[in-house]
């Protein structure tokens, strides 16, 4: 009896399932062109369907054991779906919907850094690589950045950063150098003053011994100081004479060309006036005859 009840129950289930399928609408297919869709909600529905397909294929492409050919095929299918999604997103914007392209995901390399997607066509998203496809031969090199060549700086670039601080003109502004050099400078000044006092005392003793004529024991240092002092006085006198001679040479004006005296100037002025009068009242033919006669008689004036 139980066997007959189970058969009846299974037949009832099949009958109910068949009736439910008859009531369902026939399965709709996504339009081939996004421009054929006129309803915003329909366009959004087809976009969501494409997003689910992309998610399934992206999850599948993470498996590195699928093989190179299957990975490349999956990557091509995902890029095809992404291009189709961009068409539907543009259509949604045309129908007055939100712009989903603004918040689209960026492409990343193996380290997770965002990279630019190459797009030779210039329209729509470029070709992308997902999951294990990024590690395929020939693809890994696309994500490796070429080593940056260090550009050699030109002379202009070198001197562009050089200012007064480079030459040390601003070393005293912060006060650090003054604090460091202050004690050393005071010590040097003190030593120089003590040395000058000692030498001055030696000079005085040496001069006293020379002037008094007494038998005074003059040390070698005193004799050397006196000799240096005499040489300095002689050198100063020579320098003073040289400077006077240079001043005297500067005051004297030497003319390197012969200058005419007063008589020569008067003669030339008179000759010029005479020529002006002759050119004014005498014809050119008479002037030529007079010149020829002077040349024949060898008259210079």
C-alpha atoms as a PDB file:
ATOM      1  CA  UNK A   1       0.000   0.000   0.000  1.00  0.00           C
ATOM      2  CA  UNK A   2       2.822   2.351   0.854  1.00  0.00           C
ATOM      3  CA  UNK A   3       4.331   1.708  -2.573  1.00  0.00           C
ATOM      4  CA  UNK A   4       1.177   2.895  -4.338  1.00  0.00           C
ATOM      5  CA  UNK A   5       0.998   6.035  -2.137  1.00  0.00           C
ATOM      6  CA  UNK A   6       4.618   6.903  -2.994  1.00  0.00           C
ATOM      7  CA  UNK A   7       3.887   6.514  -6.713  1.00  0.00           C
ATOM      8  CA  UNK A   8       0.799   8.721  -6.413  1.00  0.00           C
ATOM      9  CA  UNK A   9       2.776  11.346  -4.449  1.00  0.00           C
ATOM     10  CA  UNK A  10       5.587  11.428  -7.035  1.00  0.00           C
ATOM     11  CA  UNK A  11       3.095  11.749  -9.865  1.00  0.00           C
ATOM     12  CA  UNK A  12       1.326  14.572  -8.008  1.00  0.00           C
ATOM     13  CA  UNK A  13       4.655  16.380  -7.550  1.00  0.00           C
ATOM     14  CA  UNK A  14       5.470  16.073 -11.231  1.00  0.00           C
ATOM     15  CA  UNK A  15       2.029  17.365 -12.143  1.00  0.00           C
ATOM     16  CA  UNK A  16       2.319  20.385  -9.835  1.00  0.00           C
ATOM     17  CA  UNK A  17       5.803  21.186 -11.181  1.00  0.00           C
ATOM     18  CA  UNK A  18       4.558  20.967 -14.761  1.00  0.00           C
ATOM     19  CA  UNK A  19       1.659  23.321 -14.066  1.00  0.00           C
ATOM     20  CA  UNK A  20       3.953  25.834 -12.354  1.00  0.00           C
ATOM     21  CA  UNK A  21       6.288  25.865 -15.347  1.00  0.00           C
ATOM     22  CA  UNK A  22       3.340  26.414 -17.685  1.00  0.00           C
ATOM     23  CA  UNK A  23       2.300  29.470 -15.688  1.00  0.00           C
ATOM     24  CA  UNK A  24       5.804  30.976 -15.826  1.00  0.00           C
ATOM     25  CA  UNK A  25       6.612  33.461 -18.554  1.00  0.00           C
ATOM     26  CA  UNK A  26       9.084  32.362 -21.173  1.00  0.00           C
ATOM     27  CA  UNK A  27      12.692  33.175 -20.155  1.00  0.00           C
ATOM     28  CA  UNK A  28      13.715  36.574 -21.489  1.00  0.00           C
ATOM     29  CA  UNK A  29      16.990  37.023 -23.303  1.00  0.00           C
ATOM     30  CA  UNK A  30      19.161  40.074 -22.845  1.00  0.00           C
ATOM     31  CA  UNK A  31      18.942  42.428 -25.846  1.00  0.00           C
ATOM     32  CA  UNK A  32      21.966  42.296 -28.105  1.00  0.00           C
ATOM     33  CA  UNK A  33      22.108  46.109 -28.317  1.00  0.00           C
ATOM     34  CA  UNK A  34      21.634  48.312 -25.265  1.00  0.00           C
ATOM     35  CA  UNK A  35      19.988  50.961 -27.437  1.00  0.00           C
ATOM     36  CA  UNK A  36      17.014  48.617 -27.996  1.00  0.00           C
ATOM     37  CA  UNK A  37      16.010  48.921 -24.324  1.00  0.00           C
ATOM     38  CA  UNK A  38      13.539  51.751 -23.600  1.00  0.00           C
ATOM     39  CA  UNK A  39      12.879  51.149 -19.896  1.00  0.00           C
ATOM     40  CA  UNK A  40      15.251  52.309 -17.158  1.00  0.00           C
ATOM     41  CA  UNK A  41      14.376  49.468 -14.770  1.00  0.00           C
ATOM     42  CA  UNK A  42      14.955  46.900 -17.533  1.00  0.00           C
ATOM     43  CA  UNK A  43      18.333  48.417 -18.361  1.00  0.00           C
ATOM     44  CA  UNK A  44      19.292  48.322 -14.690  1.00  0.00           C
ATOM     45  CA  UNK A  45      18.184  44.667 -14.499  1.00  0.00           C
ATOM     46  CA  UNK A  46      20.345  43.653 -17.476  1.00  0.00           C
ATOM     47  CA  UNK A  47      23.314  45.506 -15.980  1.00  0.00           C
ATOM     48  CA  UNK A  48      22.875  43.593 -12.724  1.00  0.00           C
ATOM     49  CA  UNK A  49      22.760  40.332 -14.673  1.00  0.00           C
ATOM     50  CA  UNK A  50      26.033  41.176 -16.397  1.00  0.00           C
ATOM     51  CA  UNK A  51      27.586  42.057 -13.027  1.00  0.00           C
ATOM     52  CA  UNK A  52      26.615  38.612 -11.658  1.00  0.00           C
ATOM     53  CA  UNK A  53      28.154  36.882 -14.691  1.00  0.00           C
ATOM     54  CA  UNK A  54      31.350  38.896 -14.270  1.00  0.00           C
ATOM     55  CA  UNK A  55      31.494  37.963 -10.568  1.00  0.00           C
ATOM     56  CA  UNK A  56      31.172  34.232 -11.339  1.00  0.00           C
ATOM     57  CA  UNK A  57      33.893  34.327 -13.974  1.00  0.00           C
ATOM     58  CA  UNK A  58      36.237  36.415 -11.818  1.00  0.00           C
ATOM     59  CA  UNK A  59      35.834  33.884  -9.017  1.00  0.00           C
ATOM     60  CA  UNK A  60      36.593  31.076 -11.471  1.00  0.00           C
ATOM     61  CA  UNK A  61      39.686  32.744 -12.935  1.00  0.00           C
ATOM     62  CA  UNK A  62      41.369  32.838  -9.520  1.00  0.00           C
ATOM     63  CA  UNK A  63      42.197  29.126  -9.907  1.00  0.00           C
ATOM     64  CA  UNK A  64      45.756  28.863 -11.277  1.00  0.00           C
ATOM     65  CA  UNK A  65      45.303  25.179 -12.142  1.00  0.00           C
ATOM     66  CA  UNK A  66      42.893  25.823 -15.032  1.00  0.00           C
ATOM     67  CA  UNK A  67      45.715  26.067 -17.546  1.00  0.00           C
ATOM     68  CA  UNK A  68      46.950  28.914 -19.712  1.00  0.00           C
ATOM     69  CA  UNK A  69      44.403  28.521 -22.526  1.00  0.00           C
ATOM     70  CA  UNK A  70      41.376  28.360 -20.210  1.00  0.00           C
ATOM     71  CA  UNK A  71      42.654  31.378 -18.219  1.00  0.00           C
ATOM     72  CA  UNK A  72      43.095  33.427 -21.378  1.00  0.00           C
ATOM     73  CA  UNK A  73      39.587  32.469 -22.584  1.00  0.00           C
ATOM     74  CA  UNK A  74      38.062  33.405 -19.242  1.00  0.00           C
ATOM     75  CA  UNK A  75      39.913  36.724 -19.242  1.00  0.00           C
ATOM     76  CA  UNK A  76      38.631  37.475 -22.746  1.00  0.00           C
ATOM     77  CA  UNK A  77      35.056  36.660 -21.673  1.00  0.00           C
ATOM     78  CA  UNK A  78      35.322  38.920 -18.634  1.00  0.00           C
ATOM     79  CA  UNK A  79      36.606  41.818 -20.760  1.00  0.00           C
ATOM     80  CA  UNK A  80      33.778  41.263 -23.235  1.00  0.00           C
ATOM     81  CA  UNK A  81      31.239  41.425 -20.385  1.00  0.00           C
ATOM     82  CA  UNK A  82      32.895  44.590 -19.015  1.00  0.00           C
ATOM     83  CA  UNK A  83      32.575  46.276 -22.411  1.00  0.00           C
ATOM     84  CA  UNK A  84      28.922  45.224 -22.555  1.00  0.00           C
ATOM     85  CA  UNK A  85      28.390  46.565 -19.039  1.00  0.00           C
ATOM     86  CA  UNK A  86      29.817  49.938 -20.080  1.00  0.00           C
ATOM     87  CA  UNK A  87      27.286  50.045 -22.965  1.00  0.00           C
ATOM     88  CA  UNK A  88      24.418  49.444 -20.546  1.00  0.00           C
ATOM     89  CA  UNK A  89      25.767  52.061 -18.125  1.00  0.00           C
ATOM     90  CA  UNK A  90      25.812  54.660 -20.893  1.00  0.00           C
ATOM     91  CA  UNK A  91      22.271  53.649 -21.833  1.00  0.00           C
ATOM     92  CA  UNK A  92      21.159  54.059 -18.205  1.00  0.00           C
ATOM     93  CA  UNK A  93      22.575  57.584 -18.186  1.00  0.00           C
ATOM     94  CA  UNK A  94      20.748  58.340 -21.445  1.00  0.00           C
ATOM     95  CA  UNK A  95      17.480  57.134 -19.879  1.00  0.00           C
ATOM     96  CA  UNK A  96      18.011  59.464 -16.885  1.00  0.00           C
ATOM     97  CA  UNK A  97      19.505  56.969 -14.427  1.00  0.00           C
ATOM     98  CA  UNK A  98      22.623  57.235 -12.230  1.00  0.00           C
ATOM     99  CA  UNK A  99      26.131  57.252 -13.675  1.00  0.00           C
ATOM    100  CA  UNK A 100      27.682  53.984 -12.469  1.00  0.00           C
ATOM    101  CA  UNK A 101      30.899  54.539 -14.446  1.00  0.00           C
ATOM    102  CA  UNK A 102      32.047  57.188 -11.960  1.00  0.00           C
ATOM    103  CA  UNK A 103      32.498  54.630  -9.184  1.00  0.00           C
ATOM    104  CA  UNK A 104      33.852  51.739 -11.253  1.00  0.00           C
ATOM    105  CA  UNK A 105      36.656  49.620  -9.755  1.00  0.00           C
ATOM    106  CA  UNK A 106      40.274  50.384 -10.684  1.00  0.00           C
ATOM    107  CA  UNK A 107      42.735  47.870 -12.069  1.00  0.00           C
ATOM    108  CA  UNK A 108      45.567  46.813  -9.723  1.00  0.00           C
ATOM    109  CA  UNK A 109      48.876  45.028 -10.240  1.00  0.00           C
ATOM    110  CA  UNK A 110      50.205  41.976  -8.357  1.00  0.00           C
ATOM    111  CA  UNK A 111      51.142  44.173  -5.378  1.00  0.00           C
ATOM    112  CA  UNK A 112      47.712  45.802  -5.167  1.00  0.00           C
ATOM    113  CA  UNK A 113      48.784  49.153  -6.643  1.00  0.00           C
ATOM    114  CA  UNK A 114      46.351  50.906  -8.999  1.00  0.00           C
ATOM    115  CA  UNK A 115      47.661  50.982 -12.577  1.00  0.00           C
ATOM    116  CA  UNK A 116      46.461  52.646 -15.752  1.00  0.00           C
ATOM    117  CA  UNK A 117      44.536  50.432 -18.152  1.00  0.00           C
ATOM    118  CA  UNK A 118      45.965  50.632 -21.673  1.00  0.00           C
ATOM    119  CA  UNK A 119      43.279  51.509 -24.198  1.00  0.00           C
ATOM    120  CA  UNK A 120      44.573  52.081 -27.746  1.00  0.00           C
ATOM    121  CA  UNK A 121      41.029  52.677 -29.010  1.00  0.00           C
ATOM    122  CA  UNK A 122      40.527  55.672 -26.782  1.00  0.00           C
ATOM    123  CA  UNK A 123      36.880  54.793 -25.997  1.00  0.00           C
ATOM    124  CA  UNK A 124      35.535  52.700 -23.139  1.00  0.00           C
ATOM    125  CA  UNK A 125      37.584  50.649 -20.663  1.00  0.00           C
ATOM    126  CA  UNK A 126      40.825  49.110 -21.841  1.00  0.00           C
ATOM    127  CA  UNK A 127      41.800  45.430 -21.729  1.00  0.00           C
ATOM    128  CA  UNK A 128      42.184  44.152 -18.160  1.00  0.00           C
ATOM    129  CA  UNK A 129      43.713  41.091 -16.552  1.00  0.00           C
ATOM    130  CA  UNK A 130      42.147  39.308 -13.577  1.00  0.00           C
ATOM    131  CA  UNK A 131      43.221  36.728 -11.022  1.00  0.00           C
ATOM    132  CA  UNK A 132      45.684  34.117 -12.242  1.00  0.00           C
ATOM    133  CA  UNK A 133      45.762  35.750 -15.704  1.00  0.00           C
ATOM    134  CA  UNK A 134      48.072  38.415 -14.279  1.00  0.00           C
ATOM    135  CA  UNK A 135      50.757  35.751 -13.783  1.00  0.00           C
ATOM    136  CA  UNK A 136      50.666  34.383 -17.327  1.00  0.00           C
ATOM    137  CA  UNK A 137      53.819  34.614 -19.440  1.00  0.00           C
ATOM    138  CA  UNK A 138      54.010  37.966 -21.194  1.00  0.00           C
ATOM    139  CA  UNK A 139      51.438  39.519 -18.859  1.00  0.00           C
ATOM    140  CA  UNK A 140      53.587  39.828 -15.738  1.00  0.00           C
ATOM    141  CA  UNK A 141      55.998  42.092 -17.658  1.00  0.00           C
ATOM    142  CA  UNK A 142      53.151  44.542 -18.340  1.00  0.00           C
ATOM    143  CA  UNK A 143      52.784  45.226 -14.623  1.00  0.00           C
ATOM    144  CA  UNK A 144      56.519  45.579 -13.926  1.00  0.00           C
ATOM    145  CA  UNK A 145      57.626  49.173 -13.982  1.00  0.00           C
ATOM    146  CA  UNK A 146      60.806  49.848 -15.932  1.00  0.00           C
ATOM    147  CA  UNK A 147      63.732  50.981 -13.773  1.00  0.00           C
ATOM    148  CA  UNK A 148      63.879  54.729 -13.493  1.00  0.00           C
ATOM    149  CA  UNK A 149      66.943  56.147 -15.171  1.00  0.00           C
ATOM    150  CA  UNK A 150      68.558  58.792 -13.047  1.00  0.00           C
ATOM    151  CA  UNK A 151      68.619  61.918 -15.134  1.00  0.00           C
ATOM    152  CA  UNK A 152      71.920  63.710 -15.110  1.00  0.00           C
ATOM    153  CA  UNK A 153      71.562  67.187 -13.732  1.00  0.00           C
ATOM    154  CA  UNK A 154      72.559  70.056 -15.965  1.00  0.00           C
ATOM    155  CA  UNK A 155      74.654  72.991 -14.865  1.00  0.00           C
ATOM    156  CA  UNK A 156      71.484  75.087 -14.714  1.00  0.00           C
ATOM    157  CA  UNK A 157      69.834  72.605 -12.304  1.00  0.00           C
ATOM    158  CA  UNK A 158      72.932  72.605 -10.094  1.00  0.00           C
ATOM    159  CA  UNK A 159      73.203  76.386  -9.831  1.00  0.00           C
ATOM    160  CA  UNK A 160      69.428  76.816  -9.472  1.00  0.00           C
ATOM    161  CA  UNK A 161      69.566  75.561  -5.865  1.00  0.00           C
ATOM    162  CA  UNK A 162      72.617  77.589  -4.887  1.00  0.00           C
ATOM    163  CA  UNK A 163      71.883  80.668  -2.820  1.00  0.00           C
ATOM    164  CA  UNK A 164      73.614  82.809  -0.207  1.00  0.00           C
ATOM    165  CA  UNK A 165      73.491  79.965   2.344  1.00  0.00           C
ATOM    166  CA  UNK A 166      75.674  77.796   0.088  1.00  0.00           C
ATOM    167  CA  UNK A 167      78.495  80.348   0.315  1.00  0.00           C
ATOM    168  CA  UNK A 168      78.112  80.717   4.081  1.00  0.00           C
ATOM    169  CA  UNK A 169      76.672  84.238   4.141  1.00  0.00           C
ATOM    170  CA  UNK A 170      73.879  83.193   6.501  1.00  0.00           C
ATOM    171  CA  UNK A 171      75.895  81.140   8.954  1.00  0.00           C
ATOM    172  CA  UNK A 172      75.714  83.867  11.600  1.00  0.00           C
ATOM    173  CA  UNK A 173      71.929  84.300  11.451  1.00  0.00           C
ATOM    174  CA  UNK A 174      71.009  81.305  13.625  1.00  0.00           C
ATOM    175  CA  UNK A 175      73.589  82.138  16.326  1.00  0.00           C
ATOM    176  CA  UNK A 176      75.038  78.604  16.469  1.00  0.00           C
ATOM    177  CA  UNK A 177      78.349  79.564  14.883  1.00  0.00           C
ATOM    178  CA  UNK A 178      78.689  82.553  17.206  1.00  0.00           C
ATOM    179  CA  UNK A 179      78.238  80.364  20.292  1.00  0.00           C
ATOM    180  CA  UNK A 180      80.811  77.860  19.033  1.00  0.00           C
ATOM    181  CA  UNK A 181      83.430  80.382  17.891  1.00  0.00           C
ATOM    182  CA  UNK A 182      82.993  82.859  20.765  1.00  0.00           C
ATOM    183  CA  UNK A 183      85.240  81.120  23.356  1.00  0.00           C
ATOM    184  CA  UNK A 184      87.875  80.277  20.733  1.00  0.00           C
ATOM    185  CA  UNK A 185      87.950  83.885  19.505  1.00  0.00           C
ATOM    186  CA  UNK A 186      88.366  85.254  23.044  1.00  0.00           C
ATOM    187  CA  UNK A 187      91.232  82.815  23.709  1.00  0.00           C
ATOM    188  CA  UNK A 188      92.986  83.845  20.479  1.00  0.00           C
ATOM    189  CA  UNK A 189      92.553  87.543  21.275  1.00  0.00           C
ATOM    190  CA  UNK A 190      93.987  86.974  24.770  1.00  0.00           C
ATOM    191  CA  UNK A 191      96.998  85.089  23.416  1.00  0.00           C
ATOM    192  CA  UNK A 192      97.647  87.751  20.757  1.00  0.00           C
ATOM    193  CA  UNK A 193      97.460  90.545  23.358  1.00  0.00           C
ATOM    194  CA  UNK A 194      99.872  88.729  25.702  1.00  0.00           C
ATOM    195  CA  UNK A 195     102.297  88.089  22.846  1.00  0.00           C
ATOM    196  CA  UNK A 196     102.160  91.757  21.814  1.00  0.00           C
ATOM    197  CA  UNK A 197     102.836  92.919  25.402  1.00  0.00           C
ATOM    198  CA  UNK A 198     105.802  90.565  25.686  1.00  0.00           C
ATOM    199  CA  UNK A 199     107.303  91.745  22.414  1.00  0.00           C
ATOM    200  CA  UNK A 200     106.656  95.379  23.318  1.00  0.00           C
ATOM    201  CA  UNK A 201     108.478  94.884  26.620  1.00  0.00           C
ATOM    202  CA  UNK A 202     111.427  93.318  24.810  1.00  0.00           C
ATOM    203  CA  UNK A 203     111.557  96.250  22.358  1.00  0.00           C
ATOM    204  CA  UNK A 204     111.568  98.786  25.169  1.00  0.00           C
ATOM    205  CA  UNK A 205     114.404  97.017  26.965  1.00  0.00           C
ATOM    206  CA  UNK A 206     116.378  96.800  23.725  1.00  0.00           C
ATOM    207  CA  UNK A 207     115.859 100.527  22.968  1.00  0.00           C
ATOM    208  CA  UNK A 208     116.924 101.486  26.508  1.00  0.00           C
ATOM    209  CA  UNK A 209     120.120  99.499  26.148  1.00  0.00           C
ATOM    210  CA  UNK A 210     120.942 101.096  22.771  1.00  0.00           C
ATOM    211  CA  UNK A 211     120.158 104.702  23.840  1.00  0.00           C
ATOM    212  CA  UNK A 212     121.931 104.692  27.242  1.00  0.00           C
ATOM    213  CA  UNK A 213     125.104 103.210  25.836  1.00  0.00           C
ATOM    214  CA  UNK A 214     125.463 101.059  28.947  1.00  0.00           C
ATOM    215  CA  UNK A 215     126.673  97.540  28.681  1.00  0.00           C
ATOM    216  CA  UNK A 216     123.383  95.772  28.529  1.00  0.00           C
ATOM    217  CA  UNK A 217     123.022  92.213  27.564  1.00  0.00           C
ATOM    218  CA  UNK A 218     120.729  92.264  24.523  1.00  0.00           C
ATOM    219  CA  UNK A 219     119.226  88.908  23.726  1.00  0.00           C
ATOM    220  CA  UNK A 220     119.003  87.417  20.266  1.00  0.00           C
ATOM    221  CA  UNK A 221     115.228  87.933  20.275  1.00  0.00           C
ATOM    222  CA  UNK A 222     115.668  91.651  20.984  1.00  0.00           C
ATOM    223  CA  UNK A 223     118.217  92.030  18.205  1.00  0.00           C
ATOM    224  CA  UNK A 224     115.893  90.250  15.773  1.00  0.00           C
ATOM    225  CA  UNK A 225     112.982  92.493  16.774  1.00  0.00           C
ATOM    226  CA  UNK A 226     115.024  95.646  16.305  1.00  0.00           C
ATOM    227  CA  UNK A 227     116.184  94.471  12.909  1.00  0.00           C
ATOM    228  CA  UNK A 228     112.608  93.666  11.839  1.00  0.00           C
ATOM    229  CA  UNK A 229     111.445  97.058  13.065  1.00  0.00           C
ATOM    230  CA  UNK A 230     114.116  98.836  11.011  1.00  0.00           C
ATOM    231  CA  UNK A 231     113.202  96.819   7.946  1.00  0.00           C
ATOM    232  CA  UNK A 232     109.529  97.715   8.396  1.00  0.00           C
ATOM    233  CA  UNK A 233     110.393 101.417   8.615  1.00  0.00           C
ATOM    234  CA  UNK A 234     112.539 101.202   5.470  1.00  0.00           C
ATOM    235  CA  UNK A 235     109.802  99.300   3.638  1.00  0.00           C
ATOM    236  CA  UNK A 236     107.218 101.893   4.637  1.00  0.00           C
ATOM    237  CA  UNK A 237     109.460 104.689   3.313  1.00  0.00           C
ATOM    238  CA  UNK A 238     109.931 102.852   0.031  1.00  0.00           C
ATOM    239  CA  UNK A 239     106.203 102.298  -0.276  1.00  0.00           C
ATOM    240  CA  UNK A 240     105.525 105.951   0.421  1.00  0.00           C
ATOM    241  CA  UNK A 241     108.041 107.048  -2.245  1.00  0.00           C
ATOM    242  CA  UNK A 242     106.550 104.602  -4.747  1.00  0.00           C
ATOM    243  CA  UNK A 243     103.061 105.907  -4.073  1.00  0.00           C
ATOM    244  CA  UNK A 244     104.222 109.533  -4.550  1.00  0.00           C
ATOM    245  CA  UNK A 245     105.896 108.618  -7.823  1.00  0.00           C
ATOM    246  CA  UNK A 246     102.694 106.969  -9.109  1.00  0.00           C
ATOM    247  CA  UNK A 247     100.648 110.046  -8.152  1.00  0.00           C
ATOM    248  CA  UNK A 248     103.111 112.291  -9.968  1.00  0.00           C
ATOM    249  CA  UNK A 249     102.899 110.158 -13.113  1.00  0.00           C
ATOM    250  CA  UNK A 250      99.132 110.313 -13.014  1.00  0.00           C
ATOM    251  CA  UNK A 251      99.127 114.113 -12.834  1.00  0.00           C
ATOM    252  CA  UNK A 252     101.476 114.517 -15.827  1.00  0.00           C
ATOM    253  CA  UNK A 253      99.568 114.419 -19.140  1.00  0.00           C
ATOM    254  CA  UNK A 254     101.662 112.944 -21.933  1.00  0.00           C
ATOM    255  CA  UNK A 255     100.494 113.558 -25.499  1.00  0.00           C
ATOM    256  CA  UNK A 256     101.636 110.970 -28.001  1.00  0.00           C
ATOM    257  CA  UNK A 257     100.601 112.965 -31.120  1.00  0.00           C
ATOM    258  CA  UNK A 258     102.132 116.272 -32.333  1.00  0.00           C
ATOM    259  CA  UNK A 259      99.962 119.307 -31.543  1.00  0.00           C
ATOM    260  CA  UNK A 260     100.115 122.432 -33.740  1.00  0.00           C
ATOM    261  CA  UNK A 261     101.235 125.690 -32.138  1.00  0.00           C
ATOM    262  CA  UNK A 262      99.382 129.021 -32.394  1.00  0.00           C
ATOM    263  CA  UNK A 263     101.140 130.166 -35.592  1.00  0.00           C
ATOM    264  CA  UNK A 264     100.319 126.924 -37.371  1.00  0.00           C
ATOM    265  CA  UNK A 265      96.677 127.207 -36.323  1.00  0.00           C
ATOM    266  CA  UNK A 266      96.476 130.810 -37.595  1.00  0.00           C
ATOM    267  CA  UNK A 267      98.042 129.797 -40.910  1.00  0.00           C
ATOM    268  CA  UNK A 268      95.581 126.950 -41.409  1.00  0.00           C
ATOM    269  CA  UNK A 269      92.589 129.146 -40.572  1.00  0.00           C
ATOM    270  CA  UNK A 270      93.798 131.818 -43.025  1.00  0.00           C
ATOM    271  CA  UNK A 271      94.354 129.193 -45.728  1.00  0.00           C
ATOM    272  CA  UNK A 272      90.849 127.852 -45.219  1.00  0.00           C
ATOM    273  CA  UNK A 273      89.250 131.310 -45.495  1.00  0.00           C
ATOM    274  CA  UNK A 274      91.260 132.031 -48.620  1.00  0.00           C
ATOM    275  CA  UNK A 275      90.069 128.813 -50.244  1.00  0.00           C
ATOM    276  CA  UNK A 276      86.462 129.633 -49.375  1.00  0.00           C
ATOM    277  CA  UNK A 277      86.764 133.106 -51.015  1.00  0.00           C
ATOM    278  CA  UNK A 278      88.429 131.647 -54.093  1.00  0.00           C
ATOM    279  CA  UNK A 279      85.774 128.967 -54.469  1.00  0.00           C
ATOM    280  CA  UNK A 280      83.112 131.677 -54.146  1.00  0.00           C
ATOM    281  CA  UNK A 281      84.463 134.293 -56.632  1.00  0.00           C
ATOM    282  CA  UNK A 282      86.870 132.370 -58.902  1.00  0.00           C
ATOM    283  CA  UNK A 283      85.772 129.931 -61.609  1.00  0.00           C
ATOM    284  CA  UNK A 284      86.765 126.292 -61.534  1.00  0.00           C
ATOM    285  CA  UNK A 285      88.914 126.600 -64.665  1.00  0.00           C
ATOM    286  CA  UNK A 286      90.973 129.419 -63.111  1.00  0.00           C
ATOM    287  CA  UNK A 287      91.390 127.362 -59.949  1.00  0.00           C
ATOM    288  CA  UNK A 288      92.705 124.426 -61.952  1.00  0.00           C
ATOM    289  CA  UNK A 289      95.165 126.665 -63.844  1.00  0.00           C
ATOM    290  CA  UNK A 290      96.399 128.178 -60.582  1.00  0.00           C
ATOM    291  CA  UNK A 291      96.901 124.688 -59.101  1.00  0.00           C
ATOM    292  CA  UNK A 292      98.827 123.558 -62.188  1.00  0.00           C
ATOM    293  CA  UNK A 293     101.038 126.645 -62.030  1.00  0.00           C
ATOM    294  CA  UNK A 294     101.834 125.999 -58.363  1.00  0.00           C
ATOM    295  CA  UNK A 295     102.691 122.408 -59.129  1.00  0.00           C
ATOM    296  CA  UNK A 296     105.024 123.488 -61.962  1.00  0.00           C
ATOM    297  CA  UNK A 297     106.756 126.086 -59.788  1.00  0.00           C
ATOM    298  CA  UNK A 298     106.807 123.672 -56.836  1.00  0.00           C
ATOM    299  CA  UNK A 299     104.975 126.102 -54.575  1.00  0.00           C
ATOM    300  CA  UNK A 300     103.496 124.413 -51.569  1.00  0.00           C
ATOM    301  CA  UNK A 301     101.517 127.379 -50.253  1.00  0.00           C
END
